[in-house]
PDB file of N, CA and C in Angstrom:
ATOM      1  N   MET A   1      -3.307  -3.379  -6.788  1.00  0.00           N
ATOM      2  CA  MET A   1      -3.675  -2.906  -5.550  1.00  0.00           C
ATOM      3  C   MET A   1      -5.007  -1.961  -5.761  1.00  0.00           C
ATOM      4  N   LEU A   2      -5.956  -2.148  -5.113  1.00  0.00           N
ATOM      5  CA  LEU A   2      -7.147  -1.336  -5.301  1.00  0.00           C
ATOM      6  C   LEU A   2      -7.219  -0.383  -4.199  1.00  0.00           C
ATOM      7  N   ASN A   3      -7.590   0.818  -4.532  1.00  0.00           N
ATOM      8  CA  ASN A   3      -7.614   1.934  -3.508  1.00  0.00           C
ATOM      9  C   ASN A   3      -9.113   2.735  -3.750  1.00  0.00           C
ATOM     10  N   PHE A   4      -9.637   2.955  -2.516  1.00  0.00           N
ATOM     11  CA  PHE A   4     -11.003   3.784  -2.722  1.00  0.00           C
ATOM     12  C   PHE A   4     -11.100   4.635  -1.385  1.00  0.00           C
ATOM     13  N   ILE A   5     -11.899   5.477  -1.387  1.00  0.00           N
ATOM     14  CA  ILE A   5     -12.382   6.325  -0.230  1.00  0.00           C
ATOM     15  C   ILE A   5     -13.508   5.689   0.355  1.00  0.00           C
ATOM     16  N   GLU A   6     -13.436   5.386   1.722  1.00  0.00           N
ATOM     17  CA  GLU A   6     -14.623   5.041   2.409  1.00  0.00           C
ATOM     18  C   GLU A   6     -14.832   5.835   3.618  1.00  0.00           C
ATOM     19  N   GLY A   7     -15.856   6.903   3.378  1.00  0.00           N
ATOM     20  CA  GLY A   7     -16.024   7.838   4.369  1.00  0.00           C
ATOM     21  C   GLY A   7     -14.956   8.968   4.420  1.00  0.00           C
ATOM     22  N   ASP A   8     -14.056   9.181   5.363  1.00  0.00           N
ATOM     23  CA  ASP A   8     -12.960  10.207   5.375  1.00  0.00           C
ATOM     24  C   ASP A   8     -11.667   9.429   5.249  1.00  0.00           C
ATOM     25  N   SER A   9     -11.647   7.970   4.925  1.00  0.00           N
ATOM     26  CA  SER A   9     -10.499   7.326   5.004  1.00  0.00           C
ATOM     27  C   SER A   9     -10.220   6.742   3.652  1.00  0.00           C
ATOM     28  N   TYR A  10      -9.087   6.320   3.394  1.00  0.00           N
ATOM     29  CA  TYR A  10      -8.650   5.513   2.125  1.00  0.00           C
ATOM     30  C   TYR A  10      -8.639   4.049   2.495  1.00  0.00           C
ATOM     31  N   VAL A  11      -9.129   3.288   1.638  1.00  0.00           N
ATOM     32  CA  VAL A  11      -8.668   1.702   1.951  1.00  0.00           C
ATOM     33  C   VAL A  11      -8.038   1.251   0.950  1.00  0.00           C
ATOM     34  N   ILE A  12      -6.751   0.635   1.166  1.00  0.00           N
ATOM     35  CA  ILE A  12      -5.739   0.031   0.439  1.00  0.00           C
ATOM     36  C   ILE A  12      -5.978  -1.435   0.416  1.00  0.00           C
ATOM     37  N   ASN A  13      -6.265  -2.159  -0.660  1.00  0.00           N
ATOM     38  CA  ASN A  13      -6.540  -3.558  -0.681  1.00  0.00           C
ATOM     39  C   ASN A  13      -5.871  -4.157  -1.836  1.00  0.00           C
ATOM     40  N   GLY A  14      -5.078  -5.197  -1.435  1.00  0.00           N
ATOM     41  CA  GLY A  14      -4.508  -5.926  -2.419  1.00  0.00           C
ATOM     42  C   GLY A  14      -3.099  -6.360  -2.160  1.00  0.00           C
ATOM     43  N   PRO A  15      -2.522  -7.293  -2.708  1.00  0.00           N
ATOM     44  CA  PRO A  15      -1.167  -7.950  -2.369  1.00  0.00           C
ATOM     45  C   PRO A  15      -0.001  -7.079  -2.719  1.00  0.00           C
ATOM     46  N   LYS A  16       1.012  -7.270  -1.995  1.00  0.00           N
ATOM     47  CA  LYS A  16       2.237  -6.590  -2.464  1.00  0.00           C
ATOM     48  C   LYS A  16       3.343  -7.694  -1.996  1.00  0.00           C
ATOM     49  N   ALA A  17       4.165  -8.032  -3.100  1.00  0.00           N
ATOM     50  CA  ALA A  17       5.249  -9.099  -2.668  1.00  0.00           C
ATOM     51  C   ALA A  17       6.530  -8.316  -2.799  1.00  0.00           C
ATOM     52  N   TRP A  18       7.660  -9.192  -2.193  1.00  0.00           N
ATOM     53  CA  TRP A  18       8.981  -8.874  -2.277  1.00  0.00           C
ATOM     54  C   TRP A  18       9.207  -7.424  -1.625  1.00  0.00           C
ATOM     55  N   ILE A  19       8.770  -7.271  -0.335  1.00  0.00           N
ATOM     56  CA  ILE A  19       9.235  -6.011   0.361  1.00  0.00           C
ATOM     57  C   ILE A  19      10.488  -6.466   1.059  1.00  0.00           C
ATOM     58  N   THR A  20      11.588  -5.832   0.817  1.00  0.00           N
ATOM     59  CA  THR A  20      12.835  -6.139   1.394  1.00  0.00           C
ATOM     60  C   THR A  20      12.665  -5.498   2.907  1.00  0.00           C
ATOM     61  N   GLY A  21      12.991  -6.319   3.927  1.00  0.00           N
ATOM     62  CA  GLY A  21      12.728  -5.796   5.200  1.00  0.00           C
ATOM     63  C   GLY A  21      11.375  -5.864   5.846  1.00  0.00           C
ATOM     64  N   GLY A  22      10.439  -6.434   4.962  1.00  0.00           N
ATOM     65  CA  GLY A  22       8.984  -6.368   5.311  1.00  0.00           C
ATOM     66  C   GLY A  22       8.703  -7.185   6.604  1.00  0.00           C
ATOM     67  N   GLY A  23       9.553  -8.219   6.880  1.00  0.00           N
ATOM     68  CA  GLY A  23       9.206  -8.943   8.142  1.00  0.00           C
ATOM     69  C   GLY A  23       9.593  -8.320   9.356  1.00  0.00           C
ATOM     70  N   TYR A  24      10.458  -7.119   9.315  1.00  0.00           N
ATOM     71  CA  TYR A  24      11.045  -6.469  10.370  1.00  0.00           C
ATOM     72  C   TYR A  24      10.403  -5.004  10.531  1.00  0.00           C
ATOM     73  N   ALA A  25       9.758  -4.492   9.425  1.00  0.00           N
ATOM     74  CA  ALA A  25       9.523  -3.174   9.573  1.00  0.00           C
ATOM     75  C   ALA A  25       8.240  -2.811  10.363  1.00  0.00           C
ATOM     76  N   THR A  26       8.267  -1.696  10.968  1.00  0.00           N
ATOM     77  CA  THR A  26       7.095  -1.371  11.785  1.00  0.00           C
ATOM     78  C   THR A  26       6.263  -0.325  11.157  1.00  0.00           C
ATOM     79  N   TRP A  27       6.713   0.215   9.895  1.00  0.00           N
ATOM     80  CA  TRP A  27       6.018   1.034   9.087  1.00  0.00           C
ATOM     81  C   TRP A  27       6.253   0.732   7.644  1.00  0.00           C
ATOM     82  N   PHE A  28       5.283   1.132   6.897  1.00  0.00           N
ATOM     83  CA  PHE A  28       5.428   0.771   5.369  1.00  0.00           C
ATOM     84  C   PHE A  28       5.042   2.125   4.698  1.00  0.00           C
ATOM     85  N   PHE A  29       5.795   2.417   3.597  1.00  0.00           N
ATOM     86  CA  PHE A  29       5.548   3.532   2.533  1.00  0.00           C
ATOM     87  C   PHE A  29       4.903   2.801   1.545  1.00  0.00           C
ATOM     88  N   VAL A  30       3.650   3.389   1.251  1.00  0.00           N
ATOM     89  CA  VAL A  30       2.882   2.798   0.179  1.00  0.00           C
ATOM     90  C   VAL A  30       2.557   4.007  -0.817  1.00  0.00           C
ATOM     91  N   LEU A  31       2.998   3.893  -2.223  1.00  0.00           N
ATOM     92  CA  LEU A  31       2.593   4.675  -3.185  1.00  0.00           C
ATOM     93  C   LEU A  31       1.445   4.049  -4.055  1.00  0.00           C
ATOM     94  N   ALA A  32       0.297   4.491  -3.932  1.00  0.00           N
ATOM     95  CA  ALA A  32      -0.883   3.812  -4.512  1.00  0.00           C
ATOM     96  C   ALA A  32      -1.612   4.806  -5.345  1.00  0.00           C
ATOM     97  N   ARG A  33      -2.189   4.142  -6.632  1.00  0.00           N
ATOM     98  CA  ARG A  33      -2.919   5.103  -7.536  1.00  0.00           C
ATOM     99  C   ARG A  33      -4.159   5.250  -6.920  1.00  0.00           C
ATOM    100  N   THR A  34      -4.651   6.562  -6.707  1.00  0.00           N
ATOM    101  CA  THR A  34      -5.770   6.944  -6.171  1.00  0.00           C
ATOM    102  C   THR A  34      -6.813   7.616  -7.181  1.00  0.00           C
ATOM    103  N   GLU A  35      -6.322   7.755  -8.332  1.00  0.00           N
ATOM    104  CA  GLU A  35      -7.065   8.501  -9.423  1.00  0.00           C
ATOM    105  C   GLU A  35      -7.545   7.318 -10.353  1.00  0.00           C
ATOM    106  N   THR A  36      -8.944   7.224 -10.764  1.00  0.00           N
ATOM    107  CA  THR A  36      -9.294   6.170 -11.462  1.00  0.00           C
ATOM    108  C   THR A  36      -9.286   6.309 -13.028  1.00  0.00           C
ATOM    109  N   ASP A  37      -9.023   7.800 -13.489  1.00  0.00           N
ATOM    110  CA  ASP A  37      -9.104   7.942 -14.824  1.00  0.00           C
ATOM    111  C   ASP A  37      -7.516   7.711 -15.312  1.00  0.00           C
ATOM    112  N   PRO A  38      -7.475   6.683 -16.226  1.00  0.00           N
ATOM    113  CA  PRO A  38      -6.279   6.188 -16.707  1.00  0.00           C
ATOM    114  C   PRO A  38      -5.352   7.270 -17.472  1.00  0.00           C
ATOM    115  N   LYS A  39      -6.155   8.387 -18.040  1.00  0.00           N
ATOM    116  CA  LYS A  39      -5.324   9.450 -18.713  1.00  0.00           C
ATOM    117  C   LYS A  39      -4.817  10.461 -17.754  1.00  0.00           C
ATOM    118  N   THR A  40      -5.062  10.286 -16.478  1.00  0.00           N
ATOM    119  CA  THR A  40      -4.443  11.255 -15.467  1.00  0.00           C
ATOM    120  C   THR A  40      -3.042  11.040 -15.483  1.00  0.00           C
ATOM    121  N   PRO A  41      -2.090  12.111 -15.626  1.00  0.00           N
ATOM    122  CA  PRO A  41      -0.692  11.973 -15.419  1.00  0.00           C
ATOM    123  C   PRO A  41      -0.231  11.346 -14.101  1.00  0.00           C
ATOM    124  N   ALA A  42       0.777  10.529 -14.142  1.00  0.00           N
ATOM    125  CA  ALA A  42       1.313   9.795 -12.871  1.00  0.00           C
ATOM    126  C   ALA A  42       1.545  10.758 -11.746  1.00  0.00           C
ATOM    127  N   GLY A  43       2.098  12.026 -12.139  1.00  0.00           N
ATOM    128  CA  GLY A  43       2.364  12.972 -11.043  1.00  0.00           C
ATOM    129  C   GLY A  43       1.016  13.377 -10.312  1.00  0.00           C
ATOM    130  N   GLN A  44      -0.161  13.181 -10.839  1.00  0.00           N
ATOM    131  CA  GLN A  44      -1.191  13.532 -10.281  1.00  0.00           C
ATOM    132  C   GLN A  44      -2.286  12.270  -9.888  1.00  0.00           C
ATOM    133  N   ALA A  45      -1.787  11.171 -10.138  1.00  0.00           N
ATOM    134  CA  ALA A  45      -2.685   9.972 -10.036  1.00  0.00           C
ATOM    135  C   ALA A  45      -2.317   9.180  -8.736  1.00  0.00           C
ATOM    136  N   PHE A  46      -1.263   9.502  -8.111  1.00  0.00           N
ATOM    137  CA  PHE A  46      -0.873   8.801  -7.198  1.00  0.00           C
ATOM    138  C   PHE A  46      -0.780   9.488  -5.712  1.00  0.00           C
ATOM    139  N   THR A  47      -0.890   8.855  -4.629  1.00  0.00           N
ATOM    140  CA  THR A  47      -0.979   9.352  -3.380  1.00  0.00           C
ATOM    141  C   THR A  47      -0.133   8.387  -2.460  1.00  0.00           C
ATOM    142  N   ALA A  48       0.916   9.223  -1.598  1.00  0.00           N
ATOM    143  CA  ALA A  48       1.812   8.470  -0.855  1.00  0.00           C
ATOM    144  C   ALA A  48       1.103   8.252   0.563  1.00  0.00           C
ATOM    145  N   PHE A  49       1.435   7.112   1.121  1.00  0.00           N
ATOM    146  CA  PHE A  49       0.831   6.634   2.563  1.00  0.00           C
ATOM    147  C   PHE A  49       1.909   6.268   3.310  1.00  0.00           C
ATOM    148  N   VAL A  50       1.882   6.453   4.630  1.00  0.00           N
ATOM    149  CA  VAL A  50       2.796   5.802   5.699  1.00  0.00           C
ATOM    150  C   VAL A  50       1.753   4.998   6.523  1.00  0.00           C
ATOM    151  N   VAL A  51       2.078   3.569   6.533  1.00  0.00           N
ATOM    152  CA  VAL A  51       1.065   2.726   7.026  1.00  0.00           C
ATOM    153  C   VAL A  51       1.707   2.043   8.240  1.00  0.00           C
ATOM    154  N   ASP A  52       1.070   1.983   9.475  1.00  0.00           N
ATOM    155  CA  ASP A  52       1.646   1.256  10.594  1.00  0.00           C
ATOM    156  C   ASP A  52       1.554  -0.180  10.391  1.00  0.00           C
ATOM    157  N   GLY A  53       2.556  -0.849  10.712  1.00  0.00           N
ATOM    158  CA  GLY A  53       2.690  -2.296  10.478  1.00  0.00           C
ATOM    159  C   GLY A  53       1.639  -3.162  11.169  1.00  0.00           C
ATOM    160  N   ASP A  54       1.078  -2.465  12.215  1.00  0.00           N
ATOM    161  CA  ASP A  54       0.091  -3.184  13.069  1.00  0.00           C
ATOM    162  C   ASP A  54      -1.370  -2.880  12.608  1.00  0.00           C
ATOM    163  N   THR A  55      -1.468  -2.165  11.406  1.00  0.00           N
ATOM    164  CA  THR A  55      -2.681  -1.970  10.865  1.00  0.00           C
ATOM    165  C   THR A  55      -3.585  -3.266  10.744  1.00  0.00           C
ATOM    166  N   PRO A  56      -4.902  -3.368  11.256  1.00  0.00           N
ATOM    167  CA  PRO A  56      -5.700  -4.493  10.807  1.00  0.00           C
ATOM    168  C   PRO A  56      -5.696  -4.676   9.485  1.00  0.00           C
ATOM    169  N   GLY A  57      -5.498  -5.943   9.117  1.00  0.00           N
ATOM    170  CA  GLY A  57      -5.723  -6.346   7.667  1.00  0.00           C
ATOM    171  C   GLY A  57      -4.380  -6.580   7.006  1.00  0.00           C
ATOM    172  N   ILE A  58      -3.352  -6.079   7.652  1.00  0.00           N
ATOM    173  CA  ILE A  58      -2.070  -6.377   6.927  1.00  0.00           C
ATOM    174  C   ILE A  58      -1.516  -7.791   7.529  1.00  0.00           C
ATOM    175  N   SER A  59      -1.091  -8.560   6.595  1.00  0.00           N
ATOM    176  CA  SER A  59      -0.363  -9.903   7.036  1.00  0.00           C
ATOM    177  C   SER A  59       0.883 -10.125   6.312  1.00  0.00           C
ATOM    178  N   ARG A  60       1.624 -10.799   7.039  1.00  0.00           N
ATOM    179  CA  ARG A  60       2.979 -10.985   6.332  1.00  0.00           C
ATOM    180  C   ARG A  60       3.216 -12.540   6.123  1.00  0.00           C
ATOM    181  N   GLY A  61       3.749 -12.731   4.999  1.00  0.00           N
ATOM    182  CA  GLY A  61       4.028 -14.108   4.387  1.00  0.00           C
ATOM    183  C   GLY A  61       5.252 -14.746   5.048  1.00  0.00           C
ATOM    184  N   LYS A  62       5.663 -15.812   4.571  1.00  0.00           N
ATOM    185  CA  LYS A  62       6.828 -16.379   5.098  1.00  0.00           C
ATOM    186  C   LYS A  62       8.086 -15.700   4.613  1.00  0.00           C
ATOM    187  N   LYS A  63       9.103 -15.777   5.274  1.00  0.00           N
ATOM    188  CA  LYS A  63      10.382 -15.085   4.967  1.00  0.00           C
ATOM    189  C   LYS A  63      11.139 -16.075   4.009  1.00  0.00           C
ATOM    190  N   VAL A  64      11.610 -15.341   2.941  1.00  0.00           N
ATOM    191  CA  VAL A  64      12.371 -16.144   1.855  1.00  0.00           C
ATOM    192  C   VAL A  64      13.838 -15.951   2.056  1.00  0.00           C
ATOM    193  N   PRO A  65      14.676 -17.077   2.131  1.00  0.00           N
ATOM    194  CA  PRO A  65      16.074 -16.963   2.342  1.00  0.00           C
ATOM    195  C   PRO A  65      16.732 -16.097   1.146  1.00  0.00           C
ATOM    196  N   GLU A  66      17.673 -15.291   1.576  1.00  0.00           N
ATOM    197  CA  GLU A  66      18.380 -14.419   0.587  1.00  0.00           C
ATOM    198  C   GLU A  66      19.323 -15.086  -0.286  1.00  0.00           C
TER     199      GLU A  66
END
């Protein structure tokens, strides 16, 4: 997943597979790496986002039987 800042917003770009309940969710919790330096400790390298399921660019694949 690629993340970068565009103006005053973050852009989250990339696939995510196997989200339990993803076909029904209206919001998604995304933990994305926002620090580009690989030596940055994990506790400082990630940012948490709550993303509306209707955000442009989000697409949902086919449902897989359990």
